[in-house]
């Protein structure tokens, strides 16, 4: 590894000061509460902004010798947060972190001979295998000044406290609801995600003094966000094209607030005149329409864009291939919001999802006429829609695309073809591995398009045949070595219901005895 320069050292320390939570999963966020600087032998008040600027400065141009930083580590689970002190010493090239907690040890980071010098009383493994790799990475990273800060629009401490309260009040009961209806989706992801969004909205509404008279969540899905906000005293409604099984388990008030109704942008009307906030929480095809619908009603909106779609309901067409598809779509929805006359706020939520950039329209410019908005919408539809077909969003009955609707003989033929490809790739008939790309190249265009349209692609097909194939890291696919039933978790057993694939098709047969194999020999 190349020697760490002083400027790189302080860059890493600057990131560490604000990102201690990246080193400890029990910590949610760092909040700087006080900054003082040492200058000309005196201690005087400073700020987080001045600290950040000094850490980036040329060492020869600095006017102070160091900083003392007071901060809070916001705990994810504990009732009490942890107070700490950070000491920046420019002359010694040293950072000391002192934490007022028995559960987390103090430590220091120095620079000597181009290397990080890490010290603590006893936690050497953490220093070597957690802290040091992060510091090396941070010292070499390019800082993106334009990146949206997480939770930049809300008081993070209030948000974290409220989020913990909501988890305590709602999560246990909601998990029971999930088990009752036997939902196939991951309950922890959806429950914690919607509790986090509810906490964010509640703090945001309070801080901006924009609490809704009533809200409407368009494309509300399982209605979880509507239920939590209703339970916390916020009046609101949820619209979705299909009723979900979970709806029937919510309290009567929430059930009455959930409406099974298609949101068709050109003729949609809210059933409740008191709605003054629209919510688009990962609302798929409706995402670009949320600002438009809010603009037509001249009300506020909150949007977490998800799957990229055009206003026409067609898949999103890339405008800027130099950035990620998600960023490209986010910029497009931001443009739509501007055209609808909104002064836009952006934020990054802390939720278990890769789609966590949020758009908020709280103030609409009085000078922006509805006619201008409608002209923009019609121009977009003309540019990116072929023919005169009406706007087409999703159907009420969702098509199944998980291999179950494909002719069994076609699936069996593809599985056997891929199996043979991997089998022939290695003399050891159990050790073959092939990259996903190579497997795809070996299939015909007709085979690829068939499984893409009906089951989501090769990856879904292979995952569904997990008794035959295994994912070996990266994009490598291998043949799964059968395990005896005694070695399998009880939840994974499907005893003697299907014929053993390896007994029928592997040149060496199944390596297990009949009594050991969970399939029929």
Protein backbone atom coordinates (compact mmCIF):
# COMPACT_ATOMS: atom_id res chain seq x y z
CA UNK A 1 0.00 0.00 0.00
CA UNK A 2 1.26 3.50 -0.85
CA UNK A 3 2.25 5.80 2.02
CA UNK A 4 -0.60 7.87 3.49
CA UNK A 5 0.01 11.60 3.08
CA UNK A 6 -0.99 14.13 5.71
CA UNK A 7 -3.82 15.54 3.60
CA UNK A 8 -5.19 12.00 3.11
CA UNK A 9 -4.91 11.33 6.85
CA UNK A 10 -7.03 14.36 7.74
CA UNK A 11 -9.51 13.53 4.98
CA UNK A 12 -10.02 10.11 6.59
CA UNK A 13 -10.36 11.68 10.06
CA UNK A 14 -12.93 14.15 8.73
CA UNK A 15 -15.03 11.26 7.43
CA UNK A 16 -14.55 9.28 10.66
CA UNK A 17 -15.79 12.16 12.83
CA UNK A 18 -19.11 12.25 10.96
CA UNK A 19 -19.43 8.53 10.25
CA UNK A 20 -18.64 6.60 13.41
CA UNK A 21 -21.88 4.67 12.79
CA UNK A 22 -20.16 3.05 9.78
CA UNK A 23 -17.86 1.29 12.28
CA UNK A 24 -20.43 0.18 14.84
CA UNK A 25 -23.79 -1.32 13.89
CA UNK A 26 -25.28 -0.35 17.24
CA UNK A 27 -24.92 3.35 16.38
CA UNK A 28 -27.49 5.06 14.16
CA UNK A 29 -25.84 8.45 13.55
CA UNK A 30 -23.34 10.97 14.92
CA UNK A 31 -24.55 14.41 15.99
CA UNK A 32 -21.92 17.10 16.62
CA UNK A 33 -23.05 19.21 19.57
CA UNK A 34 -20.10 21.57 20.11
CA UNK A 35 -16.86 22.57 18.39
CA UNK A 36 -14.03 24.61 19.93
CA UNK A 37 -10.71 25.48 18.31
CA UNK A 38 -7.24 26.10 19.72
CA UNK A 39 -5.68 29.25 18.24
CA UNK A 40 -2.80 31.42 19.49
CA UNK A 41 -2.84 29.66 22.85
CA UNK A 42 -6.55 30.40 23.34
CA UNK A 43 -9.68 28.25 23.12
CA UNK A 44 -12.61 29.80 21.28
CA UNK A 45 -15.99 28.75 19.91
CA UNK A 46 -16.09 27.31 16.40
CA UNK A 47 -18.45 25.31 14.19
CA UNK A 48 -18.71 22.00 12.34
CA UNK A 49 -18.33 23.90 9.06
CA UNK A 50 -15.05 25.53 10.16
CA UNK A 51 -13.78 22.17 11.40
CA UNK A 52 -14.55 20.51 8.05
CA UNK A 53 -12.85 23.36 6.18
CA UNK A 54 -9.70 23.19 8.36
CA UNK A 55 -9.39 19.43 7.89
CA UNK A 56 -9.25 19.99 4.11
CA UNK A 57 -6.85 22.95 4.22
CA UNK A 58 -3.20 22.95 3.25
CA UNK A 59 -1.31 22.31 6.55
CA UNK A 60 0.87 25.36 5.89
CA UNK A 61 -2.15 27.67 5.71
CA UNK A 62 -3.97 26.56 8.88
CA UNK A 63 -4.42 29.28 11.49
CA UNK A 64 -5.31 26.95 14.40
CA UNK A 65 -3.50 24.06 16.11
CA UNK A 66 -6.50 21.82 16.74
CA UNK A 67 -10.13 21.32 17.68
CA UNK A 68 -12.13 19.79 20.52
CA UNK A 69 -15.41 18.27 19.36
CA UNK A 70 -18.41 17.33 21.52
CA UNK A 71 -20.72 14.79 19.96
CA UNK A 72 -23.52 12.31 20.58
CA UNK A 73 -23.64 8.78 19.24
CA UNK A 74 -27.33 8.05 18.67
CA UNK A 75 -28.06 4.49 19.69
CA UNK A 76 -30.28 2.26 17.55
CA UNK A 77 -31.74 0.37 20.50
CA UNK A 78 -30.58 1.80 23.82
CA UNK A 79 -32.76 4.44 25.46
CA UNK A 80 -29.76 6.64 26.23
CA UNK A 81 -27.38 8.06 23.63
CA UNK A 82 -23.60 8.02 24.16
CA UNK A 83 -21.70 11.26 24.71
CA UNK A 84 -18.19 11.57 23.36
CA UNK A 85 -15.29 13.96 22.80
CA UNK A 86 -12.99 14.09 19.82
CA UNK A 87 -9.62 15.86 19.95
CA UNK A 88 -7.92 16.95 16.72
CA UNK A 89 -4.22 17.80 17.14
CA UNK A 90 -2.75 19.14 13.88
CA UNK A 91 0.79 19.50 15.31
CA UNK A 92 1.00 15.83 16.39
CA UNK A 93 -1.07 14.52 13.45
CA UNK A 94 -3.31 12.82 16.00
CA UNK A 95 -7.02 12.25 16.59
CA UNK A 96 -8.29 10.98 19.95
CA UNK A 97 -11.83 9.70 20.52
CA UNK A 98 -13.01 9.60 24.14
CA UNK A 99 -16.38 7.93 24.75
CA UNK A 100 -18.43 8.07 27.94
CA UNK A 101 -19.52 4.44 27.74
CA UNK A 102 -18.42 1.12 29.23
CA UNK A 103 -19.56 -0.73 26.11
CA UNK A 104 -17.42 1.22 23.60
CA UNK A 105 -13.69 1.77 24.10
CA UNK A 106 -11.71 4.97 23.62
CA UNK A 107 -9.21 4.94 20.77
CA UNK A 108 -6.71 7.15 18.95
CA UNK A 109 -5.51 7.44 15.36
CA UNK A 110 -2.12 8.91 14.44
CA UNK A 111 0.11 9.17 11.38
CA UNK A 112 3.72 8.01 11.50
CA UNK A 113 5.98 7.20 8.55
CA UNK A 114 3.08 7.26 6.11
CA UNK A 115 1.06 4.69 8.10
CA UNK A 116 -1.97 4.85 10.38
CA UNK A 117 -1.09 4.25 14.03
CA UNK A 118 -4.09 2.91 15.98
CA UNK A 119 -4.31 2.51 19.75
CA UNK A 120 -6.88 1.36 22.32
CA UNK A 121 -6.69 -0.46 25.64
CA UNK A 122 -7.74 -3.90 24.45
CA UNK A 123 -9.87 -3.82 21.30
CA UNK A 124 -7.04 -4.61 18.88
CA UNK A 125 -9.13 -6.81 16.55
CA UNK A 126 -11.61 -3.98 15.97
CA UNK A 127 -8.75 -1.55 15.28
CA UNK A 128 -7.06 -3.88 12.80
CA UNK A 129 -10.01 -5.43 10.97
CA UNK A 130 -12.71 -2.76 11.16
CA UNK A 131 -11.25 0.71 11.74
CA UNK A 132 -8.01 0.45 9.76
CA UNK A 133 -9.56 -0.80 6.47
CA UNK A 134 -12.15 1.99 6.68
CA UNK A 135 -9.50 4.66 7.26
CA UNK A 136 -7.44 3.42 4.32
CA UNK A 137 -10.53 3.46 2.10
CA UNK A 138 -11.61 6.92 3.30
CA UNK A 139 -8.10 8.36 2.84
CA UNK A 140 -8.19 7.37 -0.85
CA UNK A 141 -11.83 8.16 -1.65
CA UNK A 142 -13.00 11.05 -3.79
CA UNK A 143 -15.44 13.22 -1.90
CA UNK A 144 -18.70 13.97 -3.69
CA UNK A 145 -19.70 17.42 -2.46
CA UNK A 146 -22.96 17.27 -4.42
CA UNK A 147 -24.14 14.08 -2.70
CA UNK A 148 -27.40 14.55 -0.78
CA UNK A 149 -26.79 14.23 2.97
CA UNK A 150 -28.84 11.59 4.79
CA UNK A 151 -31.74 13.03 6.84
CA UNK A 152 -30.61 16.55 6.02
CA UNK A 153 -34.08 18.09 6.40
CA UNK A 154 -34.96 16.76 9.84
CA UNK A 155 -33.57 16.83 13.37
CA UNK A 156 -31.75 13.48 13.41
CA UNK A 157 -31.97 12.99 17.17
CA UNK A 158 -35.73 13.60 17.23
CA UNK A 159 -36.13 11.29 14.24
CA UNK A 160 -34.11 8.48 15.85
CA UNK A 161 -35.98 8.76 19.17
CA UNK A 162 -39.35 8.68 17.39
CA UNK A 163 -38.32 5.77 15.16
CA UNK A 164 -37.37 3.73 18.25
CA UNK A 165 -40.72 4.58 19.85
CA UNK A 166 -42.65 3.53 16.73
CA UNK A 167 -40.78 0.22 16.57
CA UNK A 168 -41.62 -0.42 20.21
CA UNK A 169 -45.31 0.46 19.73
CA UNK A 170 -46.03 -1.24 16.40
CA UNK A 171 -43.46 -3.81 15.21
CA UNK A 172 -44.52 -6.81 17.35
CA UNK A 173 -48.18 -6.54 16.40
CA UNK A 174 -47.39 -5.98 12.71
CA UNK A 175 -45.15 -9.06 12.65
CA UNK A 176 -48.09 -11.07 14.00
CA UNK A 177 -50.29 -9.67 11.19
CA UNK A 178 -47.70 -10.83 8.64
CA UNK A 179 -47.72 -14.36 10.07
CA UNK A 180 -51.52 -14.44 10.16
CA UNK A 181 -51.95 -13.72 6.45
CA UNK A 182 -48.80 -15.71 5.52
CA UNK A 183 -47.34 -12.83 3.49
CA UNK A 184 -44.46 -13.99 1.27
CA UNK A 185 -42.60 -10.65 1.49
CA UNK A 186 -39.93 -9.99 4.11
CA UNK A 187 -41.78 -8.54 7.13
CA UNK A 188 -38.75 -6.93 8.77
CA UNK A 189 -37.84 -5.00 5.62
CA UNK A 190 -41.34 -3.67 4.99
CA UNK A 191 -42.25 -3.00 8.63
CA UNK A 192 -39.01 -1.21 9.55
CA UNK A 193 -38.96 0.68 6.26
CA UNK A 194 -42.48 2.06 6.64
CA UNK A 195 -41.97 2.83 10.35
CA UNK A 196 -38.86 4.81 9.34
CA UNK A 197 -40.81 6.69 6.64
CA UNK A 198 -43.62 7.41 9.12
CA UNK A 199 -41.11 8.77 11.67
CA UNK A 200 -39.48 10.92 8.98
CA UNK A 201 -42.79 12.42 7.85
CA UNK A 202 -43.94 13.12 11.40
CA UNK A 203 -40.71 14.97 12.28
CA UNK A 204 -40.65 16.80 8.93
CA UNK A 205 -44.28 17.92 9.26
CA UNK A 206 -43.60 19.17 12.79
CA UNK A 207 -40.40 21.03 11.85
CA UNK A 208 -41.86 22.69 8.77
CA UNK A 209 -45.22 23.37 10.44
CA UNK A 210 -46.93 21.68 7.50
CA UNK A 211 -48.90 18.95 9.29
CA UNK A 212 -51.54 17.60 6.93
CA UNK A 213 -55.23 18.11 7.47
CA UNK A 214 -55.32 14.76 5.67
CA UNK A 215 -52.93 12.84 3.43
CA UNK A 216 -53.45 10.41 0.55
CA UNK A 217 -50.93 7.62 -0.12
CA UNK A 218 -51.28 6.74 -3.82
CA UNK A 219 -50.28 3.17 -4.61
CA UNK A 220 -50.30 2.32 -0.89
CA UNK A 221 -49.80 -1.44 -1.39
CA UNK A 222 -50.19 -3.24 1.93
CA UNK A 223 -51.40 -0.02 3.58
CA UNK A 224 -48.80 -0.23 6.34
CA UNK A 225 -47.71 3.43 6.17
CA UNK A 226 -51.35 4.60 6.20
CA UNK A 227 -52.07 2.38 9.22
CA UNK A 228 -49.08 3.63 11.25
CA UNK A 229 -49.78 7.32 10.51
CA UNK A 230 -53.47 6.83 11.34
CA UNK A 231 -52.52 5.13 14.61
CA UNK A 232 -50.26 8.09 15.45
CA UNK A 233 -53.14 10.53 15.04
CA UNK A 234 -52.72 11.65 11.42
CA UNK A 235 -55.84 11.52 9.30
CA UNK A 236 -55.23 10.00 5.89
CA UNK A 237 -56.19 7.54 3.18
CA UNK A 238 -54.58 4.95 0.96
CA UNK A 239 -55.43 4.14 -2.66
CA UNK A 240 -54.41 1.00 -4.49
CA UNK A 241 -55.68 -0.90 -7.49
CA UNK A 242 -55.82 -4.15 -5.46
CA UNK A 243 -56.91 -4.87 -1.92
CA UNK A 244 -54.20 -6.67 0.08
CA UNK A 245 -54.67 -9.47 2.61
CA UNK A 246 -53.20 -7.31 5.39
CA UNK A 247 -55.94 -4.69 5.03
CA UNK A 248 -58.47 -6.93 6.79
CA UNK A 249 -56.30 -7.11 9.95
CA UNK A 250 -56.02 -3.38 10.53
CA UNK A 251 -58.40 -1.57 12.93
CA UNK A 252 -61.80 -0.58 11.43
CA UNK A 253 -60.79 3.09 11.09
CA UNK A 254 -57.78 2.15 8.96
CA UNK A 255 -59.81 -0.34 6.91
CA UNK A 256 -62.24 2.45 6.05
CA UNK A 257 -59.28 4.63 5.01
CA UNK A 258 -57.96 2.10 2.47
CA UNK A 259 -59.68 2.38 -0.92
CA UNK A 260 -59.47 -0.24 -3.66
CA UNK A 261 -59.40 2.05 -6.69
CA UNK A 262 -57.20 2.54 -9.72
CA UNK A 263 -55.28 5.81 -9.84
CA UNK A 264 -55.69 6.81 -13.49
CA UNK A 265 -53.81 10.12 -13.80
CA UNK A 266 -55.97 11.88 -16.36
CA UNK A 267 -59.30 11.32 -14.61
CA UNK A 268 -58.38 10.52 -11.00
CA UNK A 269 -60.26 12.44 -8.32
CA UNK A 270 -59.67 12.25 -4.59
CA UNK A 271 -62.73 11.18 -2.63
CA UNK A 272 -61.81 13.49 0.27
CA UNK A 273 -61.59 17.28 -0.19
CA UNK A 274 -59.54 17.80 2.99
CA UNK A 275 -56.42 16.08 1.57
CA UNK A 276 -53.49 18.52 1.42
CA UNK A 277 -50.55 16.08 1.17
CA UNK A 278 -49.93 13.38 -1.44
CA UNK A 279 -47.54 10.52 -0.64
CA UNK A 280 -45.82 8.34 -3.22
CA UNK A 281 -43.99 5.63 -1.26
CA UNK A 282 -42.23 3.48 -3.87
CA UNK A 283 -45.32 3.82 -6.01
CA UNK A 284 -43.75 2.37 -9.19
CA UNK A 285 -45.56 3.63 -12.34
CA UNK A 286 -47.19 6.46 -10.39
CA UNK A 287 -43.85 7.99 -9.29
CA UNK A 288 -43.55 10.63 -12.07
CA UNK A 289 -47.25 11.44 -11.70
CA UNK A 290 -47.19 12.33 -7.99
CA UNK A 291 -45.87 15.91 -8.56
CA UNK A 292 -48.33 16.35 -11.45
CA UNK A 293 -51.34 15.22 -9.42
CA UNK A 294 -50.22 17.36 -6.46
CA UNK A 295 -49.70 20.36 -8.78
CA UNK A 296 -53.19 20.00 -10.24
CA UNK A 297 -54.61 20.12 -6.69
CA UNK A 298 -52.10 22.77 -5.53
CA UNK A 299 -51.10 20.70 -2.48
CA UNK A 300 -47.85 19.35 -1.00
CA UNK A 301 -46.26 16.01 -1.83
CA UNK A 302 -43.66 13.53 -0.57
CA UNK A 303 -42.16 11.12 -3.09
CA UNK A 304 -39.75 8.19 -2.85
CA UNK A 305 -39.26 7.29 -6.52
CA UNK A 306 -38.82 3.60 -7.15
CA UNK A 307 -38.99 1.60 -10.40
CA UNK A 308 -38.38 3.97 -13.35
CA UNK A 309 -41.36 4.67 -15.62
CA UNK A 310 -42.37 7.35 -18.08
CA UNK A 311 -45.53 9.40 -17.62
CA UNK A 312 -47.05 7.11 -20.28
CA UNK A 313 -46.55 4.06 -18.05
CA UNK A 314 -43.82 2.71 -20.36
CA UNK A 315 -40.42 1.74 -18.99
CA UNK A 316 -38.19 4.78 -18.47
CA UNK A 317 -35.95 5.76 -21.37
CA UNK A 318 -32.49 6.85 -20.26
CA UNK A 319 -31.61 10.54 -20.73
CA UNK A 320 -28.10 10.51 -19.24
CA UNK A 321 -26.09 7.28 -19.45
CA UNK A 322 -23.13 8.81 -17.58
CA UNK A 323 -24.92 8.31 -14.28
CA UNK A 324 -26.79 5.35 -12.79
CA UNK A 325 -30.28 4.46 -14.06
CA UNK A 326 -31.75 5.39 -10.67
CA UNK A 327 -30.03 8.80 -10.59
CA UNK A 328 -31.13 9.40 -14.17
CA UNK A 329 -34.75 8.66 -13.27
CA UNK A 330 -34.50 10.76 -10.10
CA UNK A 331 -33.29 13.73 -12.17
CA UNK A 332 -36.21 13.20 -14.56
CA UNK A 333 -38.77 13.22 -11.73
CA UNK A 334 -37.06 16.33 -10.33
CA UNK A 335 -37.50 18.00 -13.72
CA UNK A 336 -41.20 17.03 -13.74
CA UNK A 337 -41.53 18.60 -10.27
CA UNK A 338 -39.92 21.84 -11.44
CA UNK A 339 -42.28 21.97 -14.41
CA UNK A 340 -45.18 21.57 -11.98
CA UNK A 341 -44.05 24.75 -10.24
CA UNK A 342 -42.62 23.36 -7.03
CA UNK A 343 -39.69 24.63 -5.02
CA UNK A 344 -38.13 21.23 -4.46
CA UNK A 345 -36.43 19.83 -1.37
CA UNK A 346 -34.31 16.68 -1.60
CA UNK A 347 -33.27 14.26 1.13
CA UNK A 348 -31.81 10.81 1.58
CA UNK A 349 -33.67 8.54 3.98
CA UNK A 350 -32.12 5.83 6.14
CA UNK A 351 -34.25 2.84 5.19
CA UNK A 352 -33.52 -0.79 4.19
CA UNK A 353 -33.85 0.01 0.48
CA UNK A 354 -31.49 1.10 -2.29
CA UNK A 355 -34.20 3.52 -3.50
CA UNK A 356 -34.07 6.06 -0.68
CA UNK A 357 -33.75 9.49 -2.33
CA UNK A 358 -36.80 11.61 -1.51
CA UNK A 359 -38.37 14.59 -3.26
CA UNK A 360 -40.60 17.01 -1.39
CA UNK A 361 -42.77 19.74 -2.82
CA UNK A 362 -43.95 21.98 0.02
CA UNK A 363 -44.33 25.32 -1.75
CA UNK A 364 -45.66 25.85 -5.24
CA UNK A 365 -44.84 29.02 -7.16
CA UNK A 366 -47.93 31.16 -7.57
CA UNK A 367 -46.72 32.26 -11.01
CA UNK A 368 -46.87 28.72 -12.43
CA UNK A 369 -50.21 28.30 -14.19
CA UNK A 370 -52.01 24.96 -14.41
CA UNK A 371 -52.08 25.41 -18.19
CA UNK A 372 -48.26 25.35 -18.26
CA UNK A 373 -48.24 22.14 -16.23
CA UNK A 374 -50.73 20.46 -18.58
CA UNK A 375 -48.81 21.60 -21.66
CA UNK A 376 -45.63 20.02 -20.27
CA UNK A 377 -47.43 16.74 -19.52
CA UNK A 378 -48.90 16.51 -23.02
CA UNK A 379 -45.52 17.29 -24.61
CA UNK A 380 -43.88 14.50 -22.56
CA UNK A 381 -46.57 12.04 -23.59
CA UNK A 382 -46.13 12.98 -27.25
CA UNK A 383 -42.34 12.62 -27.11
CA UNK A 384 -42.15 9.31 -25.29
CA UNK A 385 -45.30 7.48 -26.26
CA UNK A 386 -45.95 5.74 -29.57
CA UNK A 387 -49.41 5.84 -31.10
CA UNK A 388 -52.53 7.20 -29.47
CA UNK A 389 -52.94 4.56 -26.77
CA UNK A 390 -54.12 5.87 -23.41
CA UNK A 391 -51.81 6.02 -20.40
CA UNK A 392 -51.40 2.45 -19.22
CA UNK A 393 -50.36 1.71 -15.66
CA UNK A 394 -50.64 -1.69 -14.00
CA UNK A 395 -53.52 -4.14 -14.28
CA UNK A 396 -55.73 -5.03 -11.31
CA UNK A 397 -54.72 -8.69 -11.58
CA UNK A 398 -50.92 -8.83 -11.42
CA UNK A 399 -49.35 -11.32 -13.80
CA UNK A 400 -47.23 -14.06 -12.25
CA UNK A 401 -43.64 -14.03 -13.55
CA UNK A 402 -41.82 -16.65 -11.48
CA UNK A 403 -41.59 -19.64 -13.87
CA UNK A 404 -44.89 -21.16 -12.71
CA UNK A 405 -46.69 -19.95 -15.85
CA UNK A 406 -44.13 -21.37 -18.31
CA UNK A 407 -44.67 -24.76 -19.91
CA UNK A 408 -42.90 -27.36 -17.75
CA UNK A 409 -41.21 -29.04 -20.74
CA UNK A 410 -39.61 -25.69 -21.73
CA UNK A 411 -38.30 -25.09 -18.20
CA UNK A 412 -37.01 -28.66 -17.93
CA UNK A 413 -35.24 -28.32 -21.29
CA UNK A 414 -33.49 -25.07 -20.23
CA UNK A 415 -32.50 -26.49 -16.84
CA UNK A 416 -31.00 -29.59 -18.45
CA UNK A 417 -29.16 -27.50 -21.06
CA UNK A 418 -27.57 -25.24 -18.40
CA UNK A 419 -26.80 -28.29 -16.25
CA UNK A 420 -24.92 -29.92 -19.15
CA UNK A 421 -22.97 -26.71 -19.84
CA UNK A 422 -21.71 -26.55 -16.25
CA UNK A 423 -21.14 -30.32 -16.09
CA UNK A 424 -18.91 -30.27 -19.19
CA UNK A 425 -16.86 -27.29 -17.94
CA UNK A 426 -14.79 -29.41 -15.52
CA UNK A 427 -13.46 -32.97 -15.46
CA UNK A 428 -14.60 -33.23 -11.86
CA UNK A 429 -18.31 -33.56 -12.48
CA UNK A 430 -19.22 -31.78 -9.22
CA UNK A 431 -16.82 -28.81 -9.35
CA UNK A 432 -17.82 -27.04 -12.57
CA UNK A 433 -18.44 -23.28 -12.42
CA UNK A 434 -19.56 -20.92 -15.18
CA UNK A 435 -20.13 -17.15 -15.23
CA UNK A 436 -23.73 -16.06 -15.75
CA UNK A 437 -22.65 -14.19 -18.91
CA UNK A 438 -21.26 -17.39 -20.48
CA UNK A 439 -24.47 -19.28 -19.70
CA UNK A 440 -26.55 -16.51 -21.28
CA UNK A 441 -24.37 -16.52 -24.41
CA UNK A 442 -24.98 -20.26 -24.83
CA UNK A 443 -28.77 -19.82 -24.96
CA UNK A 444 -30.66 -18.79 -28.09
CA UNK A 445 -32.39 -15.42 -28.39
CA UNK A 446 -35.75 -17.20 -28.29
CA UNK A 447 -34.84 -19.01 -25.06
CA UNK A 448 -33.59 -15.79 -23.43
CA UNK A 449 -36.61 -13.72 -24.43
CA UNK A 450 -38.98 -16.47 -23.30
CA UNK A 451 -37.66 -16.73 -19.76
CA UNK A 452 -37.17 -12.94 -19.54
CA UNK A 453 -40.82 -12.24 -20.29
CA UNK A 454 -42.27 -15.04 -18.18
CA UNK A 455 -40.00 -15.57 -15.20
CA UNK A 456 -37.74 -12.57 -14.86
CA UNK A 457 -34.63 -14.04 -16.50
CA UNK A 458 -31.92 -16.67 -16.00
CA UNK A 459 -31.19 -15.70 -12.40
CA UNK A 460 -34.80 -16.30 -11.31
CA UNK A 461 -34.88 -19.61 -13.18
CA UNK A 462 -31.69 -20.80 -11.46
CA UNK A 463 -32.82 -19.64 -8.03
CA UNK A 464 -36.07 -21.54 -8.46
CA UNK A 465 -34.02 -24.68 -9.21
CA UNK A 466 -31.93 -24.32 -6.06
CA UNK A 467 -31.85 -28.12 -5.57
CA UNK A 468 -29.77 -28.34 -8.79
CA UNK A 469 -27.79 -25.08 -8.98
CA UNK A 470 -25.98 -22.84 -6.50
CA UNK A 471 -24.63 -19.28 -6.64
CA UNK A 472 -20.91 -19.44 -5.87
CA UNK A 473 -20.09 -15.77 -5.36
CA UNK A 474 -19.75 -13.04 -7.95
CA UNK A 475 -21.69 -14.19 -11.01
CA UNK A 476 -20.48 -17.82 -10.92
CA UNK A 477 -23.05 -20.63 -11.08
CA UNK A 478 -22.23 -24.20 -10.04
CA UNK A 479 -23.90 -27.56 -9.52
CA UNK A 480 -25.12 -28.02 -5.97
CA UNK A 481 -23.71 -31.06 -4.15
CA UNK A 482 -26.65 -32.88 -2.54
CA UNK A 483 -26.70 -32.94 1.27
CA UNK A 484 -28.16 -35.72 3.39
CA UNK A 485 -31.49 -34.93 5.04
CA UNK A 486 -29.86 -34.98 8.49
CA UNK A 487 -27.71 -31.97 7.51
CA UNK A 488 -30.63 -29.85 6.26
CA UNK A 489 -32.68 -27.44 8.43
CA UNK A 490 -36.19 -28.79 9.03
CA UNK A 491 -37.69 -25.77 7.26
CA UNK A 492 -35.80 -26.73 4.05
CA UNK A 493 -37.04 -30.32 3.85
CA UNK A 494 -39.45 -31.48 1.16
CA UNK A 495 -39.20 -35.20 1.75
CA UNK A 496 -39.77 -37.67 -1.09
CA UNK A 497 -42.12 -35.52 -3.17
CA UNK A 498 -40.13 -35.31 -6.40
CA UNK A 499 -37.70 -37.48 -8.32
CA UNK A 500 -34.00 -36.89 -7.66
CA UNK A 501 -32.56 -34.81 -10.51
CA UNK A 502 -29.05 -36.18 -10.00
CA UNK A 503 -30.19 -39.81 -9.91
CA UNK A 504 -31.84 -39.26 -13.31
CA UNK A 505 -29.36 -36.94 -15.07
CA UNK A 506 -25.91 -36.83 -13.43
CA UNK A 507 -23.41 -39.24 -15.08
CA UNK A 508 -22.25 -40.32 -11.62
CA UNK A 509 -25.76 -40.51 -10.25
CA UNK A 510 -26.70 -39.15 -6.83
CA UNK A 511 -23.89 -39.45 -4.25
CA UNK A 512 -26.42 -40.12 -1.49
CA UNK A 513 -28.06 -43.35 -0.50
CA UNK A 514 -31.82 -43.61 -1.01
CA UNK A 515 -32.47 -43.19 2.72
CA UNK A 516 -30.27 -40.07 2.92
CA UNK A 517 -31.68 -38.19 -0.08
CA UNK A 518 -34.73 -35.96 0.34
CA UNK A 519 -35.85 -36.82 -3.22
CA UNK A 520 -37.18 -40.06 -4.69
CA UNK A 521 -34.57 -42.52 -6.05
